Protein backbone atom coordinates (compact mmCIF):
# COMPACT_ATOMS: atom_id res chain seq x y z
CA MET A 1 96.29 65.73 79.91
CA MET A 2 94.58 66.50 83.21
CA LYS A 3 94.23 63.42 85.36
CA LEU A 4 90.73 61.97 85.20
CA ARG A 5 90.54 61.77 88.97
CA GLN A 6 90.73 65.55 89.15
CA PHE A 7 87.35 66.06 87.54
CA VAL A 8 85.45 62.83 88.09
CA PHE A 9 84.23 62.17 91.62
CA THR A 10 81.62 60.00 93.23
CA ALA A 11 78.47 61.58 94.58
CA ALA A 12 79.34 60.25 98.02
CA ALA A 13 82.68 62.05 98.05
CA LEU A 14 80.94 65.41 97.71
CA GLY A 15 77.76 64.54 99.57
CA LEU A 16 75.77 65.31 96.43
CA ALA A 17 72.78 63.11 95.60
CA GLY A 18 72.06 62.12 92.02
CA MET A 19 75.39 63.20 90.55
CA SER A 20 76.82 60.87 87.91
CA THR A 21 80.12 59.25 88.77
CA LEU A 22 81.24 59.51 85.17
CA ALA A 23 81.60 62.74 83.22
CA GLN A 24 81.02 62.75 79.46
CA ALA A 25 83.14 65.87 79.06
CA GLU A 26 85.70 67.59 81.21
CA THR A 27 83.77 69.01 84.14
CA TRP A 28 84.81 71.98 86.25
CA ARG A 29 82.93 72.25 89.52
CA VAL A 30 82.54 75.72 91.04
CA GLY A 31 81.61 75.97 94.72
CA LEU A 32 79.76 79.09 95.88
CA GLU A 33 79.42 80.51 99.38
CA GLU A 34 76.00 81.90 98.50
CA THR A 35 72.58 80.79 97.23
CA LYS A 36 71.13 80.85 93.71
CA THR A 37 69.74 84.37 94.20
CA SER A 38 73.13 85.91 94.97
CA VAL A 39 75.79 88.06 93.32
CA GLN A 40 78.19 85.11 93.35
CA TYR A 41 75.70 82.89 91.52
CA ALA A 42 74.96 85.47 88.82
CA TYR A 43 78.69 86.00 88.30
CA ALA A 44 79.28 82.23 88.24
CA GLU A 45 76.53 81.79 85.63
CA ALA A 46 78.31 84.30 83.40
CA PHE A 47 81.60 82.48 83.99
CA LYS A 48 79.97 79.14 83.12
CA LYS A 49 78.39 80.48 79.94
CA GLN A 50 81.64 81.92 78.63
CA ILE A 51 83.87 78.97 79.52
CA GLU A 52 81.48 76.51 77.90
CA ALA A 53 81.21 78.67 74.78
CA LYS A 54 84.92 79.35 74.43
CA SER A 55 85.78 75.67 74.92
CA ASP A 56 83.28 74.65 72.21
CA GLY A 57 81.51 72.40 74.68
CA ASP A 58 84.63 70.46 75.67
CA ILE A 59 84.25 71.82 79.22
CA THR A 60 81.10 71.69 81.31
CA VAL A 61 80.94 74.04 84.31
CA GLN A 62 78.82 72.80 87.19
CA LEU A 63 77.71 75.35 89.79
CA LEU A 64 77.38 74.26 93.42
CA PRO A 65 75.60 76.95 95.48
CA TYR A 66 75.62 77.14 99.27
CA GLY A 67 74.40 73.90 100.82
CA LYS A 68 75.40 71.64 97.92
CA TRP A 69 78.88 71.01 99.31
CA GLY A 70 78.23 71.21 103.06
CA SER A 71 77.19 73.79 105.63
CA THR A 72 80.47 75.38 106.74
CA TYR A 73 82.69 77.55 104.59
CA SER A 74 85.74 75.62 105.72
CA ALA A 75 84.24 72.51 104.06
CA LEU A 76 84.19 74.38 100.75
CA TYR A 77 87.74 75.63 101.12
CA ASP A 78 88.92 72.14 102.09
CA ALA A 79 87.22 70.72 98.99
CA VAL A 80 89.04 73.20 96.74
CA GLN A 81 92.35 72.52 98.47
CA SER A 82 91.90 68.77 98.00
CA GLY A 83 90.77 69.11 94.38
CA ALA A 84 87.34 67.60 95.01
CA ILE A 85 85.97 70.94 93.79
CA GLN A 86 88.22 72.62 91.26
CA ILE A 87 87.12 76.24 91.70
CA GLY A 88 85.46 78.04 94.60
CA PHE A 89 84.75 81.39 96.18
CA GLY A 90 86.36 82.45 99.44
CA SER A 91 85.58 85.59 101.42
CA GLY A 92 85.84 86.64 105.07
CA ALA A 93 85.98 83.14 106.53
CA LEU A 94 88.84 82.30 104.16
CA GLY A 95 91.15 83.98 106.69
CA GLY A 96 91.32 80.71 108.59
CA THR A 97 92.82 79.04 105.50
CA VAL A 98 94.73 81.94 103.93
CA PRO A 99 95.45 84.51 106.70
CA GLU A 100 96.68 87.07 104.17
CA SER A 101 93.23 87.08 102.53
CA GLN A 102 92.01 89.03 105.57
CA LEU A 103 93.57 92.02 103.84
CA LEU A 104 90.28 92.37 101.97
CA SER A 105 88.40 92.65 105.28
CA LEU A 106 90.32 95.70 106.52
CA ASN A 107 88.02 98.66 107.14
CA PHE A 108 88.49 102.09 105.56
CA VAL A 109 91.07 100.93 103.00
CA MET A 110 89.02 100.81 99.79
CA PRO A 111 87.97 104.00 97.97
CA SER A 112 84.36 105.13 97.94
CA ASP A 113 84.26 104.55 94.17
CA GLN A 114 83.27 100.89 93.94
CA TRP A 115 84.16 100.59 90.26
CA LYS A 116 87.73 101.71 91.00
CA THR A 117 87.88 99.11 93.75
CA ALA A 118 86.88 96.35 91.34
CA GLN A 119 89.46 97.49 88.80
CA VAL A 120 92.33 97.69 91.30
CA LEU A 121 91.58 94.34 92.92
CA ASN A 122 91.65 92.66 89.51
CA SER A 123 94.64 94.55 88.16
CA PRO A 124 97.81 92.58 87.43
CA ALA A 125 99.63 94.89 89.86
CA PHE A 126 97.64 93.44 92.76
CA LEU A 127 96.01 90.16 91.65
CA GLU A 128 99.17 88.78 90.02
CA SER A 129 101.55 90.24 92.60
CA LYS A 130 104.00 87.80 94.16
CA PRO A 131 102.87 88.22 97.78
CA TRP A 132 99.20 87.70 96.90
CA GLN A 133 99.82 84.72 94.65
CA ASP A 134 102.32 83.15 97.06
CA ALA A 135 99.93 83.49 100.00
CA PHE A 136 97.42 81.27 98.23
CA ALA A 137 100.00 78.97 96.63
CA LYS A 138 101.34 78.00 100.06
CA ARG A 139 97.87 76.57 100.77
CA GLY A 140 97.52 74.79 97.43
CA LEU A 141 95.31 77.51 95.93
CA LYS A 142 95.42 79.91 92.99
CA PRO A 143 93.53 83.27 93.09
CA LEU A 144 91.83 83.84 89.74
CA ALA A 145 89.73 86.96 90.29
CA GLU A 146 88.30 89.27 92.95
CA LEU A 147 84.56 89.92 93.12
CA PRO A 148 83.50 92.96 95.19
CA GLU A 149 79.83 92.42 96.11
CA GLY A 150 78.96 95.83 97.50
CA TYR A 151 79.48 97.70 100.73
CA GLN A 152 79.11 95.83 103.98
CA VAL A 153 76.09 97.29 105.80
CA TRP A 154 75.41 97.05 109.52
CA THR A 155 72.02 96.16 110.94
CA ALA A 156 71.03 96.33 114.59
CA ASN A 157 68.04 96.83 116.86
CA LYS A 158 69.27 100.29 117.80
CA ALA A 159 70.68 103.24 115.92
CA ILE A 160 74.46 103.20 115.45
CA GLU A 161 75.99 106.57 114.65
CA THR A 162 79.08 106.61 116.89
CA PRO A 163 81.45 104.00 118.33
CA ALA A 164 79.71 104.54 121.68
CA ASP A 165 76.50 103.22 120.11
CA MET A 166 78.30 99.99 119.25
CA LYS A 167 79.64 99.37 122.76
CA ASN A 168 79.14 95.73 123.81
CA LEU A 169 76.91 95.08 120.78
CA GLN A 170 76.90 91.36 119.98
CA ILE A 171 77.41 91.75 116.27
CA ARG A 172 77.84 88.73 114.04
CA VAL A 173 81.02 88.66 111.95
CA MET A 174 82.42 85.98 109.69
CA ASP A 175 84.94 83.64 111.33
CA ASN A 176 87.86 85.98 110.73
CA SER A 177 90.28 87.12 113.42
CA LEU A 178 90.84 90.48 111.75
CA LEU A 179 87.11 91.23 111.66
CA ARG A 180 86.87 90.34 115.33
CA ALA A 181 89.78 92.68 116.07
CA THR A 182 88.13 95.45 114.04
CA TYR A 183 84.79 95.28 115.81
CA LYS A 184 86.43 94.96 119.20
CA ALA A 185 88.26 98.19 118.33
CA TYR A 186 84.85 99.77 117.70
CA GLY A 187 83.76 98.61 121.17
CA ALA A 188 81.47 95.80 120.03
CA SER A 189 81.42 92.17 121.17
CA PRO A 190 81.78 90.29 117.85
CA ILE A 191 80.51 86.72 117.60
CA SER A 192 80.61 84.14 114.79
CA ILE A 193 77.48 82.24 113.74
CA ALA A 194 77.00 80.00 110.70
CA TYR A 195 75.32 81.81 107.81
CA GLY A 196 72.43 79.36 107.68
CA GLU A 197 71.76 79.82 111.42
CA LEU A 198 72.00 83.60 111.48
CA TYR A 199 68.33 84.48 110.90
CA SER A 200 67.15 82.52 113.93
CA ALA A 201 70.04 83.86 116.01
CA LEU A 202 68.97 87.43 115.24
CA GLN A 203 65.33 86.59 115.80
CA GLN A 204 66.04 85.02 119.18
CA GLY A 205 68.47 87.71 120.31
CA GLN A 206 71.55 85.49 120.30
CA ALA A 207 73.03 88.13 117.99
CA GLU A 208 72.12 91.81 118.22
CA GLY A 209 73.66 93.03 114.98
CA ASN A 210 74.81 91.82 111.59
CA ILE A 211 77.16 92.76 108.76
CA GLN A 212 76.28 91.91 105.14
CA PRO A 213 76.06 93.50 101.69
CA VAL A 214 72.53 94.74 101.01
CA PHE A 215 71.54 91.87 98.72
CA ALA A 216 72.36 89.32 101.45
CA HIS A 217 70.30 91.21 104.04
CA GLU A 218 67.37 90.93 101.65
CA GLU A 219 67.73 87.42 100.26
CA MET A 220 68.17 85.88 103.73
CA GLY A 221 65.48 88.09 105.28
CA PHE A 222 67.80 89.45 107.97
CA TYR A 223 66.14 92.86 107.73
CA GLU A 224 62.90 91.30 109.00
CA VAL A 225 64.40 90.82 112.44
CA GLN A 226 66.41 94.06 112.71
CA ASP A 227 65.23 97.64 113.24
CA TYR A 228 68.06 99.72 111.75
CA MET A 229 70.27 99.51 108.67
CA ILE A 230 73.45 101.58 108.89
CA PHE A 231 75.61 102.58 105.91
CA ALA A 232 79.12 103.45 107.09
CA ASP A 233 80.93 102.59 103.81
CA GLN A 234 83.68 101.04 105.92
CA SER A 235 84.46 98.10 103.64
CA GLN A 236 83.18 96.15 100.69
CA PHE A 237 82.39 92.45 100.78
CA VAL A 238 84.95 90.83 98.49
CA ALA A 239 84.96 87.19 97.39
CA THR A 240 88.06 85.68 95.83
CA LEU A 241 87.50 83.27 92.96
CA MET A 242 90.21 80.66 93.46
CA SER A 243 91.15 77.25 92.15
CA ASN A 244 93.07 74.23 93.27
CA LEU A 245 96.71 74.98 92.42
CA ASP A 246 97.61 71.53 91.08
CA TRP A 247 94.51 71.55 88.91
CA TRP A 248 95.43 74.97 87.55
CA GLN A 249 98.97 73.91 86.77
CA ASP A 250 97.66 70.84 84.91
CA LEU A 251 95.56 72.99 82.58
CA THR A 252 96.95 73.60 79.12
CA ALA A 253 98.40 77.01 78.35
CA ASP A 254 95.38 77.71 76.16
CA GLN A 255 92.98 76.80 78.97
CA GLN A 256 94.78 79.07 81.43
CA LYS A 257 94.71 81.87 78.88
CA MET A 258 90.98 81.28 78.37
CA VAL A 259 90.24 81.48 82.10
CA LYS A 260 92.24 84.69 82.47
CA SER A 261 90.48 86.21 79.48
CA VAL A 262 87.07 85.30 80.88
CA THR A 263 87.72 86.57 84.42
CA GLN A 264 89.18 89.85 83.17
CA GLY A 265 86.16 90.30 80.94
CA LEU A 266 83.87 89.70 83.90
CA VAL A 267 85.28 92.50 86.07
CA LYS A 268 82.75 95.00 84.71
CA THR A 269 80.05 92.32 84.64
CA GLY A 270 80.61 91.60 88.32
CA TYR A 271 80.46 95.30 89.16
CA ASP A 272 77.21 95.71 87.21
CA ILE A 273 75.69 92.64 88.87
CA GLN A 274 76.40 93.81 92.41
CA SER A 275 75.26 97.36 91.65
CA GLU A 276 71.93 96.15 90.27
CA PHE A 277 71.41 93.53 92.98
CA ASN A 278 72.13 95.90 95.85
CA GLU A 279 70.07 98.77 94.44
CA LYS A 280 67.02 96.61 93.77
CA ARG A 281 67.30 94.69 97.03
CA LEU A 282 67.47 97.93 99.04
CA ASP A 283 64.27 99.07 97.34
CA THR A 284 62.68 95.74 98.26
CA ILE A 285 63.76 96.06 101.88
CA LYS A 286 62.32 99.56 102.10
CA SER A 287 59.05 98.52 100.48
CA LYS A 288 58.54 95.42 102.63
CA SER A 289 59.56 96.78 106.00
CA ASP A 290 59.72 99.87 108.16
CA ILE A 291 63.42 99.44 108.85
CA LYS A 292 65.15 102.77 109.47
CA VAL A 293 68.08 103.56 107.18
CA ILE A 294 70.98 105.60 108.57
CA LYS A 295 73.83 106.93 106.43
CA LEU A 296 76.83 108.14 108.39
CA ASP A 297 78.36 111.46 107.39
CA ASP A 298 82.10 112.04 106.99
CA ALA A 299 82.60 113.12 110.59
CA GLN A 300 80.81 110.05 111.91
CA ARG A 301 82.75 107.78 109.57
CA ASN A 302 86.04 109.34 110.65
CA ALA A 303 85.37 108.37 114.26
CA PHE A 304 85.24 104.73 113.20
CA ARG A 305 88.12 105.18 110.75
CA LYS A 306 90.40 106.37 113.56
CA LEU A 307 89.66 103.25 115.60
CA ALA A 308 90.15 100.95 112.61
CA GLN A 309 93.57 102.32 111.62
CA PRO A 310 95.62 100.35 114.21
CA VAL A 311 94.06 97.09 112.98
CA ARG A 312 96.30 97.36 109.92
CA GLN A 313 99.26 96.71 112.22
CA THR A 314 97.42 93.74 113.69
CA PHE A 315 97.14 92.37 110.16
CA VAL A 316 100.86 92.90 109.53
CA LYS A 317 101.77 91.30 112.85
CA ASP A 318 99.65 88.25 112.06
CA THR A 319 100.80 87.78 108.45
CA GLY A 320 104.40 89.00 108.49
CA ALA A 321 106.41 90.46 105.63
CA GLN A 322 104.25 88.84 102.95
CA GLY A 323 101.04 90.34 104.33
CA LYS A 324 102.71 93.73 104.77
CA GLU A 325 103.92 93.72 101.17
CA ALA A 326 100.45 92.78 99.88
CA LEU A 327 98.90 95.58 101.95
CA ASN A 328 101.42 98.13 100.69
CA ILE A 329 100.78 97.12 97.08
CA LEU A 330 97.02 97.45 97.55
CA LEU A 331 97.30 100.86 99.26
CA ARG A 332 99.65 102.08 96.52
CA GLU A 333 97.32 100.95 93.75
CA PHE A 334 94.30 102.53 95.42
CA ASP A 335 96.26 105.79 95.74
CA ASN A 336 97.20 105.62 92.07
CA ALA A 337 93.56 105.04 91.14
CA LYS A 338 92.57 108.30 92.82
CA ASN A 339 94.88 110.29 90.56
């Protein structure tokens, strides 16, 4: 039986007003990095619906969108590590907690086919691989699924078509050493700014550029204070759905099987959600603004690809043999998916 303390917490402990200190049923709390109008939230709603149905109401899933658990991503990751929140999403900023997770931030690694990317990232060959699982386990975490949320798109107040155009650009990146190394390789001057403070930073010129999937550019209004939107297809934004490791190990075998069944069933759902969100949000951006959209051709992309290639060695240097093995597995599986 899972210890009661693992799923019953005071409102003060989480900083959440109005939350009962006693749960009538087993409650799983899911912390999101994004708001209620996001890809993560739509995916989490589907996860909630299925878990509650499959458990015949014995489990209640409570969703905690951005702002309900604090204002910094590290606060969310700390809460999952401590067990105060059982399940949470972690993306670019997770590199400070799980350095190997920065693998998913490497540029020009994922194939152009986004459906294949979703399938490979959630395949047993990668997701259940020893180096990937061990990287999280060392930090008291368990990766449950990978959620690609669409290609990362650059915005700026000038056109960016070559690395020279990015020289000294103060572009906001998530707090991730590998992302900083990548954009320094492109010639930019990467800076980190809290997500909730980014709009005003762009508006006031504290940041000159931004990197987000399309839906985030729209939902946070970033496009309103930028002149150009550049599609380089350099990487996808990927969020890892992860749980507290002790909590996971205390689940019954049937509960673990249920979670795995649900997350595997949601791979296509997640892909469909991000595809629809990003397509519709791009239409909204175009209809509500005069932002100029630039799509780099293969030759232009290759100029950035060449500069990004050495960053793979930076990743290996920072994460050692375990990171190298995880990278090799991912590259191998992406190669297999092309055949």
